[in-house]
Amino acid sequence: MTTRVVDDPGELAALFERDRHDHIYALADLDERFWAANTWWRNGDTTMGLIGLPEGQTIVYAVSAADPRQRWRWSPSYPPRSHQHW
């Protein structure tokens, strides 16, 4: 599978809804008010997001819906260092 930028918050919502209690904050970040400040990547069930916070800080959110160990499989190489949030 290839890693790609996610441009549809509904795609991530479907993934995070599988276990909404664990991903309640990620689901909130998909709201239209916050979406523009975030960038998300996906590779299968593995997802990583750079979440822009109000004070200009950025946090990383990495999750795998199928296997929690998989989130670290590709995250050291993503996002590219040239990315606007990085």
PDB file of N, CA and C in Angstrom:
ATOM      1  N   MET A   1       0.833  -1.185   0.000  1.00  0.00           N
ATOM      2  CA  MET A   1       0.000   0.000   0.000  1.00  0.00           C
ATOM      3  C   MET A   1       0.873   1.241   0.000  1.00  0.00           C
ATOM      4  N   THR A   2       0.331   2.299  -0.523  1.00  0.00           N
ATOM      5  CA  THR A   2       1.060   3.554  -0.545  1.00  0.00           C
ATOM      6  C   THR A   2       0.467   4.510   0.472  1.00  0.00           C
ATOM      7  N   THR A   3       1.293   5.398   0.937  1.00  0.00           N
ATOM      8  CA  THR A   3       0.847   6.430   1.862  1.00  0.00           C
ATOM      9  C   THR A   3       0.384   7.621   1.041  1.00  0.00           C
ATOM     10  N   ARG A   4      -0.748   8.172   1.433  1.00  0.00           N
ATOM     11  CA  ARG A   4      -1.307   9.297   0.695  1.00  0.00           C
ATOM     12  C   ARG A   4      -1.930  10.302   1.651  1.00  0.00           C
ATOM     13  N   VAL A   5      -2.054  11.524   1.201  1.00  0.00           N
ATOM     14  CA  VAL A   5      -2.724  12.567   1.974  1.00  0.00           C
ATOM     15  C   VAL A   5      -4.223  12.325   1.893  1.00  0.00           C
ATOM     16  N   VAL A   6      -4.905  12.456   2.995  1.00  0.00           N
ATOM     17  CA  VAL A   6      -6.357  12.297   3.044  1.00  0.00           C
ATOM     18  C   VAL A   6      -6.986  13.675   2.902  1.00  0.00           C
ATOM     19  N   ASP A   7      -7.878  13.810   1.935  1.00  0.00           N
ATOM     20  CA  ASP A   7      -8.525  15.111   1.731  1.00  0.00           C
ATOM     21  C   ASP A   7     -10.009  15.099   2.068  1.00  0.00           C
ATOM     22  N   ASP A   8     -10.508  13.965   2.554  1.00  0.00           N
ATOM     23  CA  ASP A   8     -11.924  13.847   2.908  1.00  0.00           C
ATOM     24  C   ASP A   8     -12.051  13.443   4.373  1.00  0.00           C
ATOM     25  N   PRO A   9     -12.526  14.338   5.237  1.00  0.00           N
ATOM     26  CA  PRO A   9     -12.651  13.987   6.656  1.00  0.00           C
ATOM     27  C   PRO A   9     -13.611  12.826   6.892  1.00  0.00           C
ATOM     28  N   GLY A  10     -14.555  12.621   5.997  1.00  0.00           N
ATOM     29  CA  GLY A  10     -15.486  11.501   6.143  1.00  0.00           C
ATOM     30  C   GLY A  10     -14.790  10.152   6.085  1.00  0.00           C
ATOM     31  N   GLU A  11     -13.733  10.083   5.311  1.00  0.00           N
ATOM     32  CA  GLU A  11     -12.953   8.841   5.227  1.00  0.00           C
ATOM     33  C   GLU A  11     -12.339   8.497   6.577  1.00  0.00           C
ATOM     34  N   LEU A  12     -11.794   9.493   7.244  1.00  0.00           N
ATOM     35  CA  LEU A  12     -11.199   9.259   8.560  1.00  0.00           C
ATOM     36  C   LEU A  12     -12.261   9.017   9.612  1.00  0.00           C
ATOM     37  N   ALA A  13     -13.380   9.701   9.496  1.00  0.00           N
ATOM     38  CA  ALA A  13     -14.466   9.495  10.458  1.00  0.00           C
ATOM     39  C   ALA A  13     -14.910   8.036  10.448  1.00  0.00           C
ATOM     40  N   ALA A  14     -15.020   7.442   9.267  1.00  0.00           N
ATOM     41  CA  ALA A  14     -15.412   6.034   9.179  1.00  0.00           C
ATOM     42  C   ALA A  14     -14.396   5.133   9.875  1.00  0.00           C
ATOM     43  N   LEU A  15     -13.129   5.462   9.741  1.00  0.00           N
ATOM     44  CA  LEU A  15     -12.077   4.685  10.400  1.00  0.00           C
ATOM     45  C   LEU A  15     -12.120   4.871  11.915  1.00  0.00           C
ATOM     46  N   PHE A  16     -12.217   6.110  12.371  1.00  0.00           N
ATOM     47  CA  PHE A  16     -12.190   6.394  13.812  1.00  0.00           C
ATOM     48  C   PHE A  16     -13.467   5.948  14.518  1.00  0.00           C
ATOM     49  N   GLU A  17     -14.575   5.901  13.803  1.00  0.00           N
ATOM     50  CA  GLU A  17     -15.841   5.478  14.406  1.00  0.00           C
ATOM     51  C   GLU A  17     -15.815   4.008  14.834  1.00  0.00           C
ATOM     52  N   ARG A  18     -14.887   3.240  14.294  1.00  0.00           N
ATOM     53  CA  ARG A  18     -14.781   1.828  14.683  1.00  0.00           C
ATOM     54  C   ARG A  18     -14.570   1.688  16.188  1.00  0.00           C
ATOM     55  N   ASP A  19     -13.885   2.667  16.770  1.00  0.00           N
ATOM     56  CA  ASP A  19     -13.630   2.657  18.215  1.00  0.00           C
ATOM     57  C   ASP A  19     -13.655   4.100  18.703  1.00  0.00           C
ATOM     58  N   ARG A  20     -14.824   4.685  18.619  1.00  0.00           N
ATOM     59  CA  ARG A  20     -14.973   6.128  18.874  1.00  0.00           C
ATOM     60  C   ARG A  20     -14.514   6.551  20.276  1.00  0.00           C
ATOM     61  N   HIS A  21     -14.586   5.674  21.267  1.00  0.00           N
ATOM     62  CA  HIS A  21     -14.150   6.045  22.607  1.00  0.00           C
ATOM     63  C   HIS A  21     -12.640   6.301  22.655  1.00  0.00           C
ATOM     64  N   ASP A  22     -11.883   5.590  21.850  1.00  0.00           N
ATOM     65  CA  ASP A  22     -10.437   5.801  21.796  1.00  0.00           C
ATOM     66  C   ASP A  22     -10.051   6.989  20.925  1.00  0.00           C
ATOM     67  N   HIS A  23     -10.925   7.368  20.008  1.00  0.00           N
ATOM     68  CA  HIS A  23     -10.570   8.390  19.024  1.00  0.00           C
ATOM     69  C   HIS A  23     -11.472   9.618  19.084  1.00  0.00           C
ATOM     70  N   ILE A  24     -12.040   9.891  20.237  1.00  0.00           N
ATOM     71  CA  ILE A  24     -12.998  10.986  20.357  1.00  0.00           C
ATOM     72  C   ILE A  24     -12.366  12.343  20.007  1.00  0.00           C
ATOM     73  N   TYR A  25     -11.121  12.548  20.396  1.00  0.00           N
ATOM     74  CA  TYR A  25     -10.461  13.820  20.067  1.00  0.00           C
ATOM     75  C   TYR A  25     -10.124  13.887  18.584  1.00  0.00           C
ATOM     76  N   ALA A  26      -9.719  12.782  18.002  1.00  0.00           N
ATOM     77  CA  ALA A  26      -9.441  12.761  16.556  1.00  0.00           C
ATOM     78  C   ALA A  26     -10.718  13.038  15.780  1.00  0.00           C
ATOM     79  N   LEU A  27     -11.832  12.490  16.229  1.00  0.00           N
ATOM     80  CA  LEU A  27     -13.105  12.761  15.563  1.00  0.00           C
ATOM     81  C   LEU A  27     -13.449  14.248  15.640  1.00  0.00           C
ATOM     82  N   ALA A  28     -13.173  14.855  16.769  1.00  0.00           N
ATOM     83  CA  ALA A  28     -13.437  16.294  16.899  1.00  0.00           C
ATOM     84  C   ALA A  28     -12.561  17.102  15.948  1.00  0.00           C
ATOM     85  N   ASP A  29     -11.323  16.661  15.730  1.00  0.00           N
ATOM     86  CA  ASP A  29     -10.416  17.369  14.821  1.00  0.00           C
ATOM     87  C   ASP A  29     -10.870  17.306  13.368  1.00  0.00           C
ATOM     88  N   LEU A  30     -11.800  16.426  13.059  1.00  0.00           N
ATOM     89  CA  LEU A  30     -12.313  16.326  11.698  1.00  0.00           C
ATOM     90  C   LEU A  30     -13.425  17.328  11.421  1.00  0.00           C
ATOM     91  N   ASP A  31     -13.864  18.015  12.464  1.00  0.00           N
ATOM     92  CA  ASP A  31     -14.904  19.033  12.299  1.00  0.00           C
ATOM     93  C   ASP A  31     -14.430  20.112  11.329  1.00  0.00           C
ATOM     94  N   GLU A  32     -15.359  20.638  10.577  1.00  0.00           N
ATOM     95  CA  GLU A  32     -15.051  21.652   9.562  1.00  0.00           C
ATOM     96  C   GLU A  32     -14.242  22.829  10.122  1.00  0.00           C
ATOM     97  N   ARG A  33     -14.507  23.218  11.375  1.00  0.00           N
ATOM     98  CA  ARG A  33     -13.792  24.354  11.980  1.00  0.00           C
ATOM     99  C   ARG A  33     -12.304  24.093  12.161  1.00  0.00           C
ATOM    100  N   PHE A  34     -11.905  22.820  12.284  1.00  0.00           N
ATOM    101  CA  PHE A  34     -10.516  22.475  12.573  1.00  0.00           C
ATOM    102  C   PHE A  34      -9.784  21.836  11.399  1.00  0.00           C
ATOM    103  N   TRP A  35     -10.527  21.334  10.422  1.00  0.00           N
ATOM    104  CA  TRP A  35      -9.954  20.539   9.334  1.00  0.00           C
ATOM    105  C   TRP A  35      -8.816  21.268   8.624  1.00  0.00           C
ATOM    106  N   ALA A  36      -8.943  22.538   8.335  1.00  0.00           N
ATOM    107  CA  ALA A  36      -7.930  23.275   7.569  1.00  0.00           C
ATOM    108  C   ALA A  36      -6.580  23.353   8.283  1.00  0.00           C
ATOM    109  N   ALA A  37      -6.567  23.252   9.592  1.00  0.00           N
ATOM    110  CA  ALA A  37      -5.319  23.354  10.356  1.00  0.00           C
ATOM    111  C   ALA A  37      -4.619  21.998  10.489  1.00  0.00           C
ATOM    112  N   ASN A  38      -5.216  20.951   9.942  1.00  0.00           N
ATOM    113  CA  ASN A  38      -4.690  19.593  10.084  1.00  0.00           C
ATOM    114  C   ASN A  38      -4.289  19.013   8.737  1.00  0.00           C
ATOM    115  N   THR A  39      -3.333  18.102   8.773  1.00  0.00           N
ATOM    116  CA  THR A  39      -2.973  17.320   7.594  1.00  0.00           C
ATOM    117  C   THR A  39      -2.911  15.868   8.019  1.00  0.00           C
ATOM    118  N   TRP A  40      -3.568  15.009   7.250  1.00  0.00           N
ATOM    119  CA  TRP A  40      -3.651  13.588   7.578  1.00  0.00           C
ATOM    120  C   TRP A  40      -3.097  12.753   6.443  1.00  0.00           C
ATOM    121  N   TRP A  41      -2.410  11.668   6.806  1.00  0.00           N
ATOM    122  CA  TRP A  41      -1.912  10.681   5.853  1.00  0.00           C
ATOM    123  C   TRP A  41      -2.524   9.337   6.214  1.00  0.00           C
ATOM    124  N   ARG A  42      -2.666   8.487   5.186  1.00  0.00           N
ATOM    125  CA  ARG A  42      -3.227   7.154   5.438  1.00  0.00           C
ATOM    126  C   ARG A  42      -2.509   6.122   4.589  1.00  0.00           C
ATOM    127  N   ASN A  43      -2.301   4.957   5.211  1.00  0.00           N
ATOM    128  CA  ASN A  43      -1.729   3.803   4.542  1.00  0.00           C
ATOM    129  C   ASN A  43      -2.507   2.607   5.080  1.00  0.00           C
ATOM    130  N   GLY A  44      -3.522   2.159   4.333  1.00  0.00           N
ATOM    131  CA  GLY A  44      -4.395   1.103   4.835  1.00  0.00           C
ATOM    132  C   GLY A  44      -5.167   1.598   6.043  1.00  0.00           C
ATOM    133  N   ASP A  45      -5.106   0.844   7.148  1.00  0.00           N
ATOM    134  CA  ASP A  45      -5.771   1.257   8.388  1.00  0.00           C
ATOM    135  C   ASP A  45      -4.876   2.118   9.273  1.00  0.00           C
ATOM    136  N   THR A  46      -3.683   2.383   8.819  1.00  0.00           N
ATOM    137  CA  THR A  46      -2.747   3.207   9.589  1.00  0.00           C
ATOM    138  C   THR A  46      -2.901   4.659   9.157  1.00  0.00           C
ATOM    139  N   THR A  47      -3.083   5.531  10.127  1.00  0.00           N
ATOM    140  CA  THR A  47      -3.316   6.943   9.848  1.00  0.00           C
ATOM    141  C   THR A  47      -2.440   7.785  10.751  1.00  0.00           C
ATOM    142  N   MET A  48      -1.923   8.863  10.212  1.00  0.00           N
ATOM    143  CA  MET A  48      -1.155   9.813  10.999  1.00  0.00           C
ATOM    144  C   MET A  48      -1.601  11.215  10.639  1.00  0.00           C
ATOM    145  N   GLY A  49      -1.762  12.040  11.645  1.00  0.00           N
ATOM    146  CA  GLY A  49      -2.170  13.414  11.409  1.00  0.00           C
ATOM    147  C   GLY A  49      -1.265  14.384  12.130  1.00  0.00           C
ATOM    148  N   LEU A  50      -1.045  15.526  11.498  1.00  0.00           N
ATOM    149  CA  LEU A  50      -0.424  16.665  12.163  1.00  0.00           C
ATOM    150  C   LEU A  50      -1.570  17.607  12.489  1.00  0.00           C
ATOM    151  N   ILE A  51      -1.782  17.795  13.771  1.00  0.00           N
ATOM    152  CA  ILE A  51      -2.933  18.539  14.250  1.00  0.00           C
ATOM    153  C   ILE A  51      -2.482  19.929  14.685  1.00  0.00           C
ATOM    154  N   GLY A  52      -2.981  20.951  14.021  1.00  0.00           N
ATOM    155  CA  GLY A  52      -2.636  22.326  14.363  1.00  0.00           C
ATOM    156  C   GLY A  52      -3.458  22.804  15.548  1.00  0.00           C
ATOM    157  N   LEU A  53      -2.784  23.276  16.576  1.00  0.00           N
ATOM    158  CA  LEU A  53      -3.444  23.775  17.776  1.00  0.00           C
ATOM    159  C   LEU A  53      -3.573  25.295  17.710  1.00  0.00           C
ATOM    160  N   PRO A  54      -4.487  25.861  18.481  1.00  0.00           N
ATOM    161  CA  PRO A  54      -4.731  27.308  18.411  1.00  0.00           C
ATOM    162  C   PRO A  54      -3.508  28.189  18.683  1.00  0.00           C
ATOM    163  N   GLU A  55      -2.607  27.760  19.512  1.00  0.00           N
ATOM    164  CA  GLU A  55      -1.441  28.576  19.863  1.00  0.00           C
ATOM    165  C   GLU A  55      -0.303  28.451  18.860  1.00  0.00           C
ATOM    166  N   GLY A  56      -0.572  27.810  17.711  1.00  0.00           N
ATOM    167  CA  GLY A  56       0.457  27.639  16.695  1.00  0.00           C
ATOM    168  C   GLY A  56       1.301  26.388  16.872  1.00  0.00           C
ATOM    169  N   GLN A  57       1.007  25.603  17.884  1.00  0.00           N
ATOM    170  CA  GLN A  57       1.729  24.350  18.096  1.00  0.00           C
ATOM    171  C   GLN A  57       1.110  23.253  17.234  1.00  0.00           C
ATOM    172  N   THR A  58       1.877  22.212  16.999  1.00  0.00           N
ATOM    173  CA  THR A  58       1.405  21.068  16.222  1.00  0.00           C
ATOM    174  C   THR A  58       1.685  19.793  17.006  1.00  0.00           C
ATOM    175  N   ILE A  59       0.725  18.900  17.024  1.00  0.00           N
ATOM    176  CA  ILE A  59       0.927  17.596  17.638  1.00  0.00           C
ATOM    177  C   ILE A  59       0.766  16.523  16.568  1.00  0.00           C
ATOM    178  N   VAL A  60       1.326  15.349  16.818  1.00  0.00           N
ATOM    179  CA  VAL A  60       1.220  14.215  15.915  1.00  0.00           C
ATOM    180  C   VAL A  60       0.235  13.224  16.513  1.00  0.00           C
ATOM    181  N   TYR A  61      -0.669  12.737  15.680  1.00  0.00           N
ATOM    182  CA  TYR A  61      -1.627  11.717  16.087  1.00  0.00           C
ATOM    183  C   TYR A  61      -1.442  10.537  15.151  1.00  0.00           C
ATOM    184  N   ALA A  62      -1.067   9.376  15.675  1.00  0.00           N
ATOM    185  CA  ALA A  62      -0.858   8.192  14.851  1.00  0.00           C
ATOM    186  C   ALA A  62      -1.718   7.055  15.398  1.00  0.00           C
ATOM    187  N   VAL A  63      -2.417   6.376  14.510  1.00  0.00           N
ATOM    188  CA  VAL A  63      -3.313   5.317  14.938  1.00  0.00           C
ATOM    189  C   VAL A  63      -3.426   4.255  13.854  1.00  0.00           C
ATOM    190  N   SER A  64      -3.604   3.026  14.302  1.00  0.00           N
ATOM    191  CA  SER A  64      -3.938   1.943  13.389  1.00  0.00           C
ATOM    192  C   SER A  64      -5.171   1.268  13.945  1.00  0.00           C
ATOM    193  N   ALA A  65      -6.240   1.263  13.177  1.00  0.00           N
ATOM    194  CA  ALA A  65      -7.490   0.676  13.645  1.00  0.00           C
ATOM    195  C   ALA A  65      -7.409  -0.841  13.750  1.00  0.00           C
ATOM    196  N   ALA A  66      -6.582  -1.454  12.921  1.00  0.00           N
ATOM    197  CA  ALA A  66      -6.502  -2.915  12.911  1.00  0.00           C
ATOM    198  C   ALA A  66      -5.447  -3.450  13.874  1.00  0.00           C
ATOM    199  N   ASP A  67      -4.297  -2.803  13.940  1.00  0.00           N
ATOM    200  CA  ASP A  67      -3.178  -3.296  14.737  1.00  0.00           C
ATOM    201  C   ASP A  67      -2.380  -2.096  15.237  1.00  0.00           C
ATOM    202  N   PRO A  68      -2.483  -1.752  16.523  1.00  0.00           N
ATOM    203  CA  PRO A  68      -1.802  -0.563  17.052  1.00  0.00           C
ATOM    204  C   PRO A  68      -0.305  -0.528  16.790  1.00  0.00           C
ATOM    205  N   ARG A  69       0.339  -1.678  16.656  1.00  0.00           N
ATOM    206  CA  ARG A  69       1.782  -1.687  16.396  1.00  0.00           C
ATOM    207  C   ARG A  69       2.110  -1.173  15.005  1.00  0.00           C
ATOM    208  N   GLN A  70       1.182  -1.238  14.082  1.00  0.00           N
ATOM    209  CA  GLN A  70       1.432  -0.844  12.701  1.00  0.00           C
ATOM    210  C   GLN A  70       1.623   0.664  12.533  1.00  0.00           C
ATOM    211  N   ARG A  71       1.133   1.470  13.450  1.00  0.00           N
ATOM    212  CA  ARG A  71       1.253   2.918  13.280  1.00  0.00           C
ATOM    213  C   ARG A  71       2.706   3.371  13.230  1.00  0.00           C
ATOM    214  N   TRP A  72       3.602   2.600  13.801  1.00  0.00           N
ATOM    215  CA  TRP A  72       5.020   2.985  13.795  1.00  0.00           C
ATOM    216  C   TRP A  72       5.767   2.414  12.603  1.00  0.00           C
ATOM    217  N   ARG A  73       5.118   1.586  11.809  1.00  0.00           N
ATOM    218  CA  ARG A  73       5.750   0.949  10.666  1.00  0.00           C
ATOM    219  C   ARG A  73       6.273   1.979   9.675  1.00  0.00           C
ATOM    220  N   TRP A  74       5.553   3.070   9.458  1.00  0.00           N
ATOM    221  CA  TRP A  74       5.958   4.038   8.445  1.00  0.00           C
ATOM    222  C   TRP A  74       6.049   5.452   8.956  1.00  0.00           C
ATOM    223  N   SER A  75       5.679   5.718  10.194  1.00  0.00           N
ATOM    224  CA  SER A  75       5.629   7.097  10.677  1.00  0.00           C
ATOM    225  C   SER A  75       6.983   7.808  10.718  1.00  0.00           C
ATOM    226  N   PRO A  76       8.127   7.137  10.913  1.00  0.00           N
ATOM    227  CA  PRO A  76       9.373   7.910  10.917  1.00  0.00           C
ATOM    228  C   PRO A  76       9.669   8.600   9.587  1.00  0.00           C
ATOM    229  N   SER A  77       9.130   8.096   8.492  1.00  0.00           N
ATOM    230  CA  SER A  77       9.386   8.712   7.202  1.00  0.00           C
ATOM    231  C   SER A  77       8.272   9.658   6.770  1.00  0.00           C
ATOM    232  N   TYR A  78       7.228   9.786   7.545  1.00  0.00           N
ATOM    233  CA  TYR A  78       6.130  10.684   7.228  1.00  0.00           C
ATOM    234  C   TYR A  78       5.850  11.541   8.407  1.00  0.00           C
ATOM    235  N   PRO A  79       5.467  12.740   8.236  1.00  0.00           N
ATOM    236  CA  PRO A  79       5.298  13.433   6.956  1.00  0.00           C
ATOM    237  C   PRO A  79       6.651  13.855   6.400  1.00  0.00           C
ATOM    238  N   PRO A  80       6.703  14.186   5.130  1.00  0.00           N
ATOM    239  CA  PRO A  80       7.962  14.670   4.575  1.00  0.00           C
ATOM    240  C   PRO A  80       8.409  15.946   5.282  1.00  0.00           C
ATOM    241  N   ARG A  81       9.655  16.103   5.498  1.00  0.00           N
ATOM    242  CA  ARG A  81      10.150  17.276   6.218  1.00  0.00           C
ATOM    243  C   ARG A  81       9.823  18.588   5.521  1.00  0.00           C
ATOM    244  N   SER A  82       9.523  18.527   4.251  1.00  0.00           N
ATOM    245  CA  SER A  82       9.190  19.749   3.529  1.00  0.00           C
ATOM    246  C   SER A  82       7.764  20.187   3.752  1.00  0.00           C
ATOM    247  N   HIS A  83       6.996  19.401   4.505  1.00  0.00           N
ATOM    248  CA  HIS A  83       5.591  19.737   4.692  1.00  0.00           C
ATOM    249  C   HIS A  83       5.427  21.034   5.465  1.00  0.00           C
ATOM    250  N   GLN A  84       4.381  21.768   5.161  1.00  0.00           N
ATOM    251  CA  GLN A  84       4.157  23.089   5.754  1.00  0.00           C
ATOM    252  C   GLN A  84       4.055  23.081   7.280  1.00  0.00           C
ATOM    253  N   HIS A  85       3.558  22.008   7.886  1.00  0.00           N
ATOM    254  CA  HIS A  85       3.397  21.967   9.334  1.00  0.00           C
ATOM    255  C   HIS A  85       4.642  21.451  10.053  1.00  0.00           C
ATOM    256  N   TRP A  86       5.551  20.840   9.344  1.00  0.00           N
ATOM    257  CA  TRP A  86       6.650  20.106   9.982  1.00  0.00           C
ATOM    258  C   TRP A  86       7.775  20.997  10.377  1.00  0.00           C
TER     259      TRP A  86
END
